[in-house]
Amino acid sequence: MLSRFMSGPHPAKRRLVAMSSHLGNGPQNGGPTGPAGQTRAKVLTIDSMNPLVKKVEYAVRGPIVARATELEKELEKGVPKPFKQVIKANIGDAHAMGQKPITFLRQVISLCVNPDLLNNESFPADARERARRILQGCKGGSLDDVMAVPLSSLLESHGIGSYSDSVGVEVIRKDIAAYIERRDGFPSDPDNIFLSTGASDAIKNMVKLMVRGSGRDQTGVMIPIPQYPLYSAVTAELNAVQVNYYLDEDNNWALDIAELERSVKEARQHCTPRVLCVINPGNPTGQVLSKENVREIIKFAAREHLFLMADEVYQDNIYAEGCAFHSFKKTMMELGPEYSTLELASFHSTSKGYMGECGFRGGYMEVINMDPQVKLQLKKLVSTKLCPPVSGQATMDCVVNPPQPGEPSYESFIKEKTAVLKSLAERAKLVAETFNSIEGVTCNTVQGAMYAFPRIALPQRAVEKAKSLGQAPDGFYALQLLEQAGICVVPGSGFGQREGTYHFRTTILPQPDKLKIFMDAFTAFHNKFMKEYAD
């Protein structure tokens, strides 16, 4: 996908090719030589490397983003550009876009990193208690009275600088299970909780468990189109079959059961679909599934004998009036015995929501109704990576065990959390309304998550120009947007879209002052582009 929209002779790509040639075989790069000074052939070349890796595409970190970084460096050197700054709206990194960290989370992590501060009363008592609890959990000790544990004992344990259990620190898994019970009203077993390096690593592990066979027995992975490119990348890397089902753009990107039925029926002609992936709230499309829609999806998965994977990392990011987050686990349990035995893995992360703590790489998955022998194999699989980052595990603990009413940090925590989500809701509305006010652009309501996925009606001359350069039309548009306006977005071709339609994904994360610059610059560029390529 991404290779299509950057396959033309763009200067950045030519430089990358030239760089690759310069770093190839030859004594000039310090490579070993054979007899008579001849250059020894490389063992690993582009032709001999794993072909599955070459199939992997990840649009949100692709060549357009590399060019954006080049432009930033050129601006720093004083190279004249028609813009003063590069706005990277390509990835959901809230802190990179100016969002301030939640104070309580950072206080607890600071204390975990530097336990010498645990007796420093400038930190709130609840933050110090949470940090002591996490550190005692890292040590594997009793949690009956963590405040009674001598500080010297916590300092001796090395805390979050040591490996944890491969599935995660036990006390944190217990806190996650308690959080899920409060959210859903149904029991959660800590033994079903697997902490992970962000949600992405857990998603990859789950798909890896299910990949098998060849020909018509080869595992098919059902993914929504448009999709988050992690899913297509993992499917390609693991040599599974990508089975697309299309979201309904005309119905605010709803998930239509008839489309799922079409998709699975057609796929069974050439593979064996074994897993259904659902992203709710949606990325890149920003839709929030209704309760009834979630029920229908669960019934479909049960009827078609599919393992259900629910990507719920944006569960805190709900903006549109009348929308609410409905977890797949809760809905499945409410449906009763006929469906409560469905195999399900659901995922959460510290990177999204109101937290935006991407760099800590904290996440978890809860597996439901997994075969006990398979669960043992999953534990073995995660053990090969030793453990997820313990700092990320600690961050996740703060998310699932936040300040409670009556605790010192509660009021400030709620104030900060509410302000972040309120601002995101306002930006979600502003972005969609502004796009819809521009001729040739349509955008569905951003009900949740962190992105808009507007559709652009490209003139035929622009489409032909892009094809003459060997680029996807929306890739050509996105590259021109970057070069002329300094705005970095991701072409819709990197996420998948219906043939003949063109989109791009942008985050709603730029802070209000920068978002105004973004929208003004986008509007000016788009109007100029449409005029230049008018049919």
Protein backbone atom coordinates (compact mmCIF):
# COMPACT_ATOMS: atom_id res chain seq x y z
CA MET A 1 0.00 0.00 0.00
CA LEU A 2 2.51 2.62 1.14
CA SER A 3 4.99 1.63 -1.54
CA ARG A 4 2.40 2.59 -4.13
CA PHE A 5 2.09 6.19 -3.01
CA MET A 6 5.86 6.72 -2.74
CA SER A 7 6.93 4.76 -5.81
CA GLY A 8 7.48 7.85 -7.95
CA PRO A 9 10.75 9.76 -8.39
CA HIS A 10 10.39 11.91 -5.27
CA PRO A 11 13.66 13.59 -4.14
CA ALA A 12 13.47 12.05 -0.68
CA LYS A 13 13.14 8.59 -2.17
CA ARG A 14 16.03 9.19 -4.60
CA ARG A 15 18.20 10.20 -1.66
CA LEU A 16 17.24 7.01 0.20
CA VAL A 17 18.11 4.91 -2.85
CA ALA A 18 21.44 6.70 -3.25
CA MET A 19 22.17 6.22 0.43
CA SER A 20 21.41 2.50 0.15
CA SER A 21 23.80 2.20 -2.80
CA HIS A 22 26.53 4.04 -0.93
CA LEU A 23 26.16 1.72 2.05
CA GLY A 24 26.22 -1.43 -0.06
CA ASN A 25 29.06 -3.85 -0.74
CA GLY A 26 32.54 -2.43 -1.01
CA PRO A 27 35.68 -1.66 0.97
CA GLN A 28 34.64 1.99 1.38
CA ASN A 29 32.16 1.02 4.11
CA GLY A 30 34.61 -1.16 5.98
CA GLY A 31 33.14 -4.45 4.73
CA PRO A 32 35.34 -7.58 4.75
CA THR A 33 37.16 -8.50 1.60
CA GLY A 34 37.88 -11.88 0.07
CA PRO A 35 40.91 -13.17 -1.84
CA ALA A 36 42.97 -10.64 -3.80
CA GLY A 37 41.06 -7.76 -2.23
CA GLN A 38 37.76 -8.75 -3.77
CA THR A 39 34.67 -7.68 -1.86
CA ARG A 40 33.04 -10.58 -0.05
CA ALA A 41 29.40 -11.11 -0.97
CA LYS A 42 26.89 -10.25 1.73
CA VAL A 43 25.09 -13.11 3.44
CA LEU A 44 22.04 -10.92 3.97
CA THR A 45 20.83 -9.00 0.92
CA ILE A 46 17.50 -7.62 -0.20
CA ASP A 47 17.10 -10.77 -2.29
CA SER A 48 18.12 -13.26 0.41
CA MET A 49 16.31 -11.67 3.38
CA ASN A 50 12.98 -12.89 4.73
CA PRO A 51 10.46 -12.11 1.98
CA LEU A 52 7.65 -11.72 4.52
CA VAL A 53 9.40 -8.72 6.07
CA LYS A 54 9.49 -7.04 2.67
CA LYS A 55 5.71 -7.40 2.48
CA VAL A 56 5.23 -5.44 5.72
CA GLU A 57 3.88 -1.91 5.28
CA TYR A 58 3.29 0.59 8.11
CA ALA A 59 1.92 3.80 6.67
CA VAL A 60 1.94 5.98 9.80
CA ARG A 61 5.77 5.80 9.91
CA GLY A 62 6.43 5.72 6.16
CA PRO A 63 8.44 7.79 3.65
CA ILE A 64 6.14 10.83 3.88
CA VAL A 65 6.94 11.03 7.59
CA ALA A 66 10.64 10.67 6.79
CA ARG A 67 10.33 13.60 4.40
CA ALA A 68 8.58 15.62 7.14
CA THR A 69 11.58 15.06 9.41
CA GLU A 70 13.89 16.22 6.61
CA LEU A 71 11.83 19.38 6.21
CA GLU A 72 12.09 20.10 9.94
CA LYS A 73 15.88 19.88 9.72
CA GLU A 74 15.91 22.12 6.64
CA LEU A 75 13.84 24.73 8.48
CA GLU A 76 16.31 24.62 11.38
CA LYS A 77 19.11 25.38 8.91
CA GLY A 78 17.21 28.37 7.56
CA VAL A 79 16.23 26.83 4.21
CA PRO A 80 13.32 28.94 2.86
CA LYS A 81 9.96 27.17 2.88
CA PRO A 82 6.40 28.38 2.26
CA PHE A 83 5.63 27.53 5.91
CA LYS A 84 7.24 28.21 9.29
CA GLN A 85 6.77 24.82 10.93
CA VAL A 86 5.95 21.21 10.13
CA ILE A 87 2.78 19.95 11.80
CA LYS A 88 3.01 16.18 12.20
CA ALA A 89 -0.59 15.03 12.29
CA ASN A 90 0.34 11.53 11.14
CA ILE A 91 0.38 9.66 14.45
CA GLY A 92 -1.62 9.56 17.67
CA ASP A 93 1.12 10.88 19.97
CA ALA A 94 -0.65 13.32 22.29
CA HIS A 95 2.40 14.56 24.19
CA ALA A 96 4.32 15.23 20.97
CA MET A 97 1.39 17.46 20.01
CA GLY A 98 1.65 19.49 23.22
CA GLN A 99 -0.67 17.69 25.63
CA LYS A 100 0.56 17.96 29.21
CA PRO A 101 1.07 14.72 31.16
CA ILE A 102 -1.37 13.83 33.94
CA THR A 103 0.37 14.92 37.16
CA PHE A 104 -0.60 11.90 39.27
CA LEU A 105 0.73 9.42 36.70
CA ARG A 106 4.07 11.17 36.45
CA GLN A 107 4.37 11.51 40.23
CA VAL A 108 3.89 7.79 40.79
CA ILE A 109 6.31 6.88 38.00
CA SER A 110 8.89 9.34 39.35
CA LEU A 111 8.65 7.73 42.76
CA CYS A 112 8.97 4.26 41.27
CA VAL A 113 12.05 5.31 39.32
CA ASN A 114 13.61 7.04 42.34
CA PRO A 115 12.38 5.38 45.57
CA ASP A 116 14.63 7.72 47.61
CA LEU A 117 11.78 10.23 47.20
CA LEU A 118 9.17 8.02 48.90
CA ASN A 119 9.48 9.90 52.19
CA ASN A 120 9.38 13.29 50.46
CA GLU A 121 6.11 14.85 51.61
CA SER A 122 6.04 17.22 48.64
CA PHE A 123 4.50 14.23 46.84
CA PRO A 124 0.86 13.50 47.75
CA ALA A 125 0.31 10.62 50.14
CA ASP A 126 -1.77 8.64 47.65
CA ALA A 127 0.96 8.89 44.99
CA ARG A 128 3.53 7.65 47.50
CA GLU A 129 1.23 4.80 48.59
CA ARG A 130 0.69 3.71 44.96
CA ALA A 131 4.42 3.77 44.28
CA ARG A 132 5.20 1.76 47.42
CA ARG A 133 2.56 -0.77 46.41
CA ILE A 134 4.00 -1.17 42.92
CA LEU A 135 7.56 -1.45 44.23
CA GLN A 136 6.54 -3.99 46.84
CA GLY A 137 4.75 -5.90 44.07
CA CYS A 138 7.91 -5.83 41.97
CA LYS A 139 9.71 -7.38 44.90
CA GLY A 140 7.00 -10.04 45.19
CA GLY A 141 6.21 -9.23 48.82
CA SER A 142 2.97 -9.02 50.81
CA LEU A 143 0.66 -6.10 50.05
CA ASP A 144 -1.27 -6.22 53.31
CA ASP A 145 0.25 -2.98 54.62
CA VAL A 146 2.60 -1.47 52.09
CA MET A 147 3.16 1.69 54.13
CA ALA A 148 4.66 -0.45 56.90
CA VAL A 149 7.32 -1.88 54.59
CA PRO A 150 10.67 -0.27 55.46
CA LEU A 151 12.01 2.06 52.76
CA SER A 152 15.36 0.28 52.93
CA SER A 153 13.64 -2.94 51.87
CA LEU A 154 12.10 -1.26 48.81
CA LEU A 155 15.43 0.31 47.85
CA GLU A 156 17.16 -3.07 48.03
CA SER A 157 14.66 -4.64 45.60
CA HIS A 158 15.85 -2.46 42.66
CA GLY A 159 12.15 -1.94 41.86
CA ILE A 160 11.23 -1.27 38.25
CA GLY A 161 14.83 -1.69 37.15
CA SER A 162 14.49 -5.46 37.55
CA TYR A 163 12.71 -7.93 35.31
CA SER A 164 9.14 -8.77 36.28
CA ASP A 165 7.21 -11.96 35.64
CA SER A 166 6.83 -12.43 31.89
CA VAL A 167 3.06 -11.91 32.10
CA GLY A 168 3.53 -8.83 34.27
CA VAL A 169 3.77 -7.81 37.93
CA GLU A 170 1.14 -9.74 39.89
CA VAL A 171 -0.24 -6.78 41.84
CA ILE A 172 -0.70 -4.82 38.61
CA ARG A 173 -2.54 -7.73 36.99
CA LYS A 174 -4.81 -7.84 40.06
CA ASP A 175 -5.47 -4.11 39.76
CA ILE A 176 -6.32 -4.52 36.06
CA ALA A 177 -8.73 -7.34 36.86
CA ALA A 178 -10.39 -5.18 39.53
CA TYR A 179 -10.70 -2.32 37.02
CA ILE A 180 -12.37 -4.60 34.46
CA GLU A 181 -14.77 -5.89 37.12
CA ARG A 182 -15.77 -2.31 38.03
CA ARG A 183 -16.18 -1.38 34.36
CA ASP A 184 -18.15 -4.44 33.24
CA GLY A 185 -19.84 -5.77 36.36
CA PHE A 186 -18.53 -9.29 35.72
CA PRO A 187 -15.60 -11.14 37.37
CA SER A 188 -12.12 -10.91 35.91
CA ASP A 189 -9.34 -13.38 36.71
CA PRO A 190 -5.83 -11.89 37.06
CA ASP A 191 -4.51 -15.10 35.48
CA ASN A 192 -6.24 -14.00 32.25
CA ILE A 193 -4.36 -10.69 32.22
CA PHE A 194 -1.17 -10.36 30.16
CA LEU A 195 0.72 -7.08 30.40
CA SER A 196 2.41 -6.11 27.16
CA THR A 197 4.64 -3.60 25.39
CA GLY A 198 1.76 -1.40 24.35
CA ALA A 199 -1.31 -3.11 22.94
CA SER A 200 0.53 -3.78 19.67
CA ASP A 201 2.75 -6.53 21.06
CA ALA A 202 -0.20 -8.37 22.57
CA ILE A 203 -2.13 -8.15 19.29
CA LYS A 204 0.82 -9.63 17.41
CA ASN A 205 1.17 -12.47 19.94
CA MET A 206 -2.50 -13.38 19.61
CA VAL A 207 -2.38 -13.49 15.81
CA LYS A 208 0.82 -15.53 16.02
CA LEU A 209 -1.00 -18.19 18.07
CA MET A 210 -3.60 -18.64 15.36
CA VAL A 211 -1.49 -18.71 12.20
CA ARG A 212 -1.23 -22.16 10.65
CA GLY A 213 -1.89 -24.18 7.52
CA SER A 214 -1.46 -23.57 3.80
CA GLY A 215 -3.76 -23.32 0.83
CA ARG A 216 -7.39 -23.34 1.89
CA ASP A 217 -6.32 -24.25 5.45
CA GLN A 218 -4.15 -21.12 5.78
CA THR A 219 -5.36 -18.82 8.56
CA GLY A 220 -7.42 -15.86 7.46
CA VAL A 221 -7.46 -12.73 9.63
CA MET A 222 -10.55 -10.57 9.20
CA ILE A 223 -9.69 -6.87 9.52
CA PRO A 224 -11.75 -3.72 8.95
CA ILE A 225 -11.07 -1.49 5.95
CA PRO A 226 -10.02 1.21 6.60
CA GLN A 227 -7.79 -0.35 9.26
CA TYR A 228 -4.94 0.48 11.59
CA PRO A 229 -1.90 -0.72 9.54
CA LEU A 230 -0.60 -2.82 12.43
CA TYR A 231 -3.10 -5.49 11.46
CA SER A 232 -2.09 -5.78 7.83
CA ALA A 233 1.59 -5.60 8.83
CA VAL A 234 1.26 -8.44 11.35
CA THR A 235 -0.79 -10.51 8.93
CA ALA A 236 1.88 -10.11 6.24
CA GLU A 237 4.80 -10.79 8.58
CA LEU A 238 3.23 -13.97 9.94
CA ASN A 239 2.17 -15.23 6.50
CA ALA A 240 -1.55 -15.22 7.25
CA VAL A 241 -4.23 -14.21 4.75
CA GLN A 242 -5.66 -10.71 5.10
CA VAL A 243 -9.46 -10.90 4.84
CA ASN A 244 -10.94 -7.45 4.34
CA TYR A 245 -14.37 -6.33 5.43
CA TYR A 246 -15.40 -2.79 4.54
CA LEU A 247 -16.86 -0.27 6.96
CA ASP A 248 -19.86 1.72 5.69
CA GLU A 249 -18.66 5.28 5.05
CA ASP A 250 -22.16 6.44 4.12
CA ASN A 251 -23.37 5.35 7.56
CA ASN A 252 -20.63 7.00 9.63
CA TRP A 253 -18.28 4.02 9.16
CA ALA A 254 -20.70 1.54 10.74
CA LEU A 255 -19.89 -2.16 10.76
CA ASP A 256 -22.53 -3.96 8.70
CA ILE A 257 -23.12 -7.64 9.54
CA ALA A 258 -24.08 -8.35 5.92
CA GLU A 259 -20.61 -7.16 4.91
CA LEU A 260 -19.01 -9.49 7.46
CA GLU A 261 -21.03 -12.37 6.05
CA ARG A 262 -19.96 -11.50 2.48
CA SER A 263 -16.34 -11.27 3.55
CA VAL A 264 -16.15 -14.57 5.42
CA LYS A 265 -18.06 -16.44 2.70
CA GLU A 266 -15.72 -15.24 -0.05
CA ALA A 267 -12.61 -15.86 2.07
CA ARG A 268 -13.53 -19.50 2.64
CA GLN A 269 -13.01 -20.12 -1.04
CA HIS A 270 -9.24 -19.73 -0.58
CA CYS A 271 -8.39 -19.76 3.17
CA THR A 272 -9.81 -20.52 6.62
CA PRO A 273 -10.83 -17.41 8.56
CA ARG A 274 -10.04 -18.02 12.23
CA VAL A 275 -10.01 -14.57 13.81
CA LEU A 276 -12.14 -11.44 13.60
CA CYS A 277 -10.46 -8.14 14.55
CA VAL A 278 -12.63 -5.20 15.60
CA ILE A 279 -11.38 -1.71 16.52
CA ASN A 280 -13.76 0.20 18.80
CA PRO A 281 -13.65 3.19 18.88
CA GLY A 282 -12.33 3.11 15.35
CA ASN A 283 -8.89 3.93 14.01
CA PRO A 284 -8.60 5.67 11.54
CA THR A 285 -12.32 6.26 11.18
CA GLY A 286 -13.37 7.55 14.62
CA GLN A 287 -16.69 5.68 14.85
CA VAL A 288 -18.10 4.25 18.08
CA LEU A 289 -20.04 0.99 17.87
CA SER A 290 -23.54 0.92 19.29
CA LYS A 291 -24.53 -1.68 21.89
CA GLU A 292 -26.69 -3.46 19.31
CA ASN A 293 -23.83 -3.50 16.81
CA VAL A 294 -21.50 -5.07 19.39
CA ARG A 295 -24.13 -7.74 20.11
CA GLU A 296 -24.49 -8.52 16.39
CA ILE A 297 -20.72 -8.86 15.98
CA ILE A 298 -20.50 -11.27 18.93
CA LYS A 299 -23.32 -13.39 17.51
CA PHE A 300 -21.63 -13.40 14.10
CA ALA A 301 -18.28 -14.52 15.59
CA ALA A 302 -20.00 -17.31 17.52
CA ARG A 303 -22.01 -18.41 14.47
CA GLU A 304 -18.94 -18.49 12.22
CA HIS A 305 -16.67 -20.06 14.87
CA LEU A 306 -14.19 -17.16 14.98
CA PHE A 307 -11.83 -16.02 17.72
CA LEU A 308 -12.74 -12.40 18.50
CA MET A 309 -10.04 -9.76 19.04
CA ALA A 310 -11.36 -6.45 20.40
CA ASP A 311 -9.00 -3.47 20.12
CA GLU A 312 -10.40 -1.14 22.79
CA VAL A 313 -7.46 1.20 23.36
CA TYR A 314 -9.62 4.30 22.74
CA GLN A 315 -12.31 3.35 25.26
CA ASP A 316 -11.91 6.66 27.14
CA ASN A 317 -12.08 8.71 23.93
CA ILE A 318 -15.83 9.13 23.37
CA TYR A 319 -17.00 12.56 22.17
CA ALA A 320 -20.25 12.51 20.20
CA GLU A 321 -23.58 12.99 21.91
CA GLY A 322 -25.48 9.73 22.29
CA CYS A 323 -22.35 7.58 21.95
CA ALA A 324 -20.93 5.36 24.68
CA PHE A 325 -18.25 2.71 24.97
CA HIS A 326 -19.57 -0.84 25.25
CA SER A 327 -16.93 -3.43 25.99
CA PHE A 328 -17.11 -6.69 24.09
CA LYS A 329 -16.59 -8.69 27.28
CA LYS A 330 -19.49 -7.08 29.13
CA THR A 331 -21.82 -7.37 26.15
CA MET A 332 -20.83 -11.00 25.59
CA MET A 333 -21.50 -11.90 29.23
CA GLU A 334 -24.85 -10.12 29.16
CA LEU A 335 -25.93 -12.24 26.20
CA GLY A 336 -25.88 -15.31 28.43
CA PRO A 337 -24.55 -18.88 28.19
CA GLU A 338 -25.03 -19.21 24.44
CA TYR A 339 -22.40 -16.54 23.81
CA SER A 340 -20.49 -16.11 27.10
CA THR A 341 -18.19 -19.01 26.18
CA LEU A 342 -16.91 -17.25 23.02
CA GLU A 343 -13.12 -16.97 22.85
CA LEU A 344 -12.17 -13.30 23.21
CA ALA A 345 -9.03 -11.21 23.64
CA SER A 346 -9.46 -7.52 24.42
CA PHE A 347 -6.72 -4.90 24.48
CA HIS A 348 -6.00 -1.61 26.27
CA SER A 349 -3.06 0.79 26.34
CA THR A 350 -1.54 3.73 28.22
CA SER A 351 -0.79 5.45 24.90
CA LYS A 352 -4.29 6.73 24.17
CA GLY A 353 -7.27 7.86 26.24
CA TYR A 354 -6.64 10.95 28.35
CA MET A 355 -3.16 9.68 29.28
CA GLY A 356 -1.28 9.79 25.99
CA GLU A 357 1.74 8.08 27.60
CA CYS A 358 3.02 6.53 24.36
CA GLY A 359 6.70 6.36 25.28
CA PHE A 360 6.25 4.17 28.34
CA ARG A 361 4.83 1.41 26.10
CA GLY A 362 2.30 0.14 28.61
CA GLY A 363 -0.57 -2.16 27.65
CA TYR A 364 -2.46 -5.29 28.50
CA MET A 365 -4.81 -7.89 27.10
CA GLU A 366 -7.45 -9.96 28.82
CA VAL A 367 -8.09 -13.40 27.33
CA ILE A 368 -11.46 -15.04 27.94
CA ASN A 369 -12.37 -18.71 27.47
CA MET A 370 -8.91 -19.61 26.17
CA ASP A 371 -8.06 -23.33 26.12
CA PRO A 372 -5.81 -23.92 29.18
CA GLN A 373 -3.18 -25.68 27.09
CA VAL A 374 -3.13 -22.78 24.64
CA LYS A 375 -2.77 -20.35 27.53
CA LEU A 376 0.35 -22.24 28.64
CA GLN A 377 1.72 -21.86 25.13
CA LEU A 378 0.92 -18.13 25.22
CA LYS A 379 2.79 -17.79 28.50
CA LYS A 380 5.74 -19.57 26.95
CA LEU A 381 5.60 -17.25 23.95
CA VAL A 382 5.61 -14.04 26.01
CA SER A 383 8.44 -15.41 28.17
CA THR A 384 10.78 -15.30 25.16
CA LYS A 385 10.74 -11.50 25.51
CA LEU A 386 11.40 -11.76 29.26
CA CYS A 387 8.87 -9.07 30.30
CA PRO A 388 7.18 -5.87 29.15
CA PRO A 389 8.78 -2.58 30.29
CA VAL A 390 8.14 -2.38 34.03
CA SER A 391 7.80 1.41 33.87
CA GLY A 392 5.00 0.87 31.36
CA GLN A 393 3.38 -1.66 33.69
CA ALA A 394 3.52 0.89 36.49
CA THR A 395 1.93 3.50 34.24
CA MET A 396 -0.89 1.10 33.41
CA ASP A 397 -1.44 0.53 37.11
CA CYS A 398 -2.02 4.27 37.56
CA VAL A 399 -4.60 4.16 34.75
CA VAL A 400 -6.60 1.29 36.25
CA ASN A 401 -6.09 2.37 39.87
CA PRO A 402 -6.43 6.18 39.78
CA PRO A 403 -7.05 8.49 42.76
CA GLN A 404 -10.36 7.83 44.49
CA PRO A 405 -12.76 10.33 46.12
CA GLY A 406 -11.33 11.56 49.39
CA GLU A 407 -7.70 10.95 48.39
CA PRO A 408 -5.36 13.98 48.14
CA SER A 409 -4.87 13.79 44.35
CA TYR A 410 -8.47 13.09 43.39
CA GLU A 411 -9.71 16.60 42.61
CA SER A 412 -6.65 17.63 40.59
CA PHE A 413 -6.66 14.30 38.74
CA ILE A 414 -10.33 14.61 37.75
CA LYS A 415 -9.81 18.22 36.73
CA GLU A 416 -6.89 17.33 34.44
CA LYS A 417 -8.59 14.24 32.97
CA THR A 418 -11.84 16.11 32.29
CA ALA A 419 -10.00 19.04 30.68
CA VAL A 420 -8.11 16.76 28.29
CA LEU A 421 -11.20 14.87 27.16
CA LYS A 422 -13.29 18.06 26.89
CA SER A 423 -10.64 19.69 24.70
CA LEU A 424 -10.38 16.59 22.50
CA ALA A 425 -14.17 16.58 22.05
CA GLU A 426 -14.10 20.22 21.01
CA ARG A 427 -11.29 19.58 18.53
CA ALA A 428 -13.07 16.52 17.13
CA LYS A 429 -16.11 18.66 16.36
CA LEU A 430 -14.04 21.54 14.97
CA VAL A 431 -12.02 19.34 12.63
CA ALA A 432 -15.06 17.58 11.13
CA GLU A 433 -17.02 20.82 10.73
CA THR A 434 -14.10 22.61 9.09
CA PHE A 435 -13.43 19.80 6.63
CA ASN A 436 -17.11 19.70 5.69
CA SER A 437 -17.06 23.44 4.98
CA ILE A 438 -14.40 22.99 2.28
CA GLU A 439 -15.43 22.20 -1.27
CA GLY A 440 -14.30 18.74 -2.33
CA VAL A 441 -13.87 17.42 1.22
CA THR A 442 -16.36 15.40 3.26
CA CYS A 443 -15.81 14.07 6.77
CA ASN A 444 -17.94 11.90 9.01
CA THR A 445 -18.52 12.85 12.63
CA VAL A 446 -15.53 12.03 14.80
CA GLN A 447 -17.44 10.12 17.46
CA GLY A 448 -14.36 8.88 19.29
CA ALA A 449 -10.65 7.92 19.16
CA MET A 450 -8.13 10.54 17.97
CA TYR A 451 -8.50 10.82 14.20
CA ALA A 452 -10.53 12.13 11.31
CA PHE A 453 -10.57 10.29 7.99
CA PRO A 454 -11.91 12.80 5.45
CA ARG A 455 -12.66 11.90 1.86
CA ILE A 456 -11.25 14.09 -0.91
CA ALA A 457 -12.82 14.41 -4.34
CA LEU A 458 -9.66 14.62 -6.43
CA PRO A 459 -9.91 16.09 -9.95
CA GLN A 460 -9.17 13.62 -12.75
CA ARG A 461 -6.14 15.65 -13.80
CA ALA A 462 -4.66 15.21 -10.31
CA VAL A 463 -5.33 11.47 -10.47
CA GLU A 464 -3.62 11.24 -13.85
CA LYS A 465 -0.67 13.32 -12.63
CA ALA A 466 -0.20 11.01 -9.65
CA LYS A 467 -0.33 7.90 -11.84
CA SER A 468 2.23 9.41 -14.24
CA LEU A 469 4.58 9.67 -11.24
CA GLY A 470 3.83 6.11 -10.12
CA GLN A 471 2.08 7.35 -6.98
CA ALA A 472 -1.32 6.67 -5.48
CA PRO A 473 -3.53 9.74 -6.00
CA ASP A 474 -4.06 10.39 -2.28
CA GLY A 475 -0.33 9.81 -1.70
CA PHE A 476 0.43 12.49 -4.29
CA TYR A 477 -2.05 14.82 -2.58
CA ALA A 478 -0.54 14.17 0.88
CA LEU A 479 2.99 14.77 -0.40
CA GLN A 480 1.98 18.08 -1.97
CA LEU A 481 0.24 19.05 1.27
CA LEU A 482 3.49 18.42 3.11
CA GLU A 483 5.76 20.22 0.63
CA GLN A 484 3.52 23.25 0.19
CA ALA A 485 1.86 23.66 3.61
CA GLY A 486 4.11 21.76 6.02
CA ILE A 487 1.28 19.45 7.10
CA CYS A 488 2.07 15.75 7.50
CA VAL A 489 -0.90 13.37 7.19
CA VAL A 490 -1.20 9.73 6.13
CA PRO A 491 -2.82 8.85 2.77
CA GLY A 492 -5.90 6.69 2.91
CA SER A 493 -4.19 4.13 0.70
CA GLY A 494 -2.05 3.29 3.73
CA PHE A 495 -5.16 2.14 5.62
CA GLY A 496 -7.17 0.64 2.80
CA GLN A 497 -10.24 2.15 1.17
CA ARG A 498 -12.81 1.28 -1.45
CA GLU A 499 -11.54 1.42 -5.02
CA GLY A 500 -11.97 4.86 -6.56
CA THR A 501 -12.19 6.73 -3.24
CA TYR A 502 -9.43 8.86 -1.74
CA HIS A 503 -8.89 9.83 1.88
CA PHE A 504 -6.25 10.81 4.40
CA ARG A 505 -5.96 10.33 8.14
CA THR A 506 -5.18 13.22 10.43
CA THR A 507 -5.06 13.29 14.20
CA ILE A 508 -7.17 15.76 16.15
CA LEU A 509 -4.31 16.11 18.65
CA PRO A 510 -2.68 19.46 17.74
CA GLN A 511 -3.40 21.91 20.54
CA PRO A 512 -6.10 24.53 19.75
CA ASP A 513 -3.66 27.27 18.66
CA LYS A 514 -1.75 24.91 16.37
CA LEU A 515 -4.98 23.29 15.16
CA LYS A 516 -6.14 26.68 13.85
CA ILE A 517 -2.86 27.05 11.95
CA PHE A 518 -3.34 23.51 10.64
CA MET A 519 -6.89 24.08 9.41
CA ASP A 520 -6.14 27.49 7.86
CA ALA A 521 -3.07 26.14 6.06
CA PHE A 522 -4.96 23.06 4.91
CA THR A 523 -7.86 25.10 3.55
CA ALA A 524 -5.52 27.40 1.59
CA PHE A 525 -3.58 24.46 0.17
CA HIS A 526 -6.66 22.46 -0.78
CA ASN A 527 -8.33 25.34 -2.60
CA LYS A 528 -5.12 26.06 -4.51
CA PHE A 529 -4.63 22.37 -5.35
CA MET A 530 -8.19 21.97 -6.63
CA LYS A 531 -7.88 25.09 -8.77
CA GLU A 532 -4.53 23.96 -10.21
CA TYR A 533 -5.87 20.54 -11.23
CA ALA A 534 -9.44 21.51 -12.08
CA ASP A 535 -10.84 19.39 -14.93
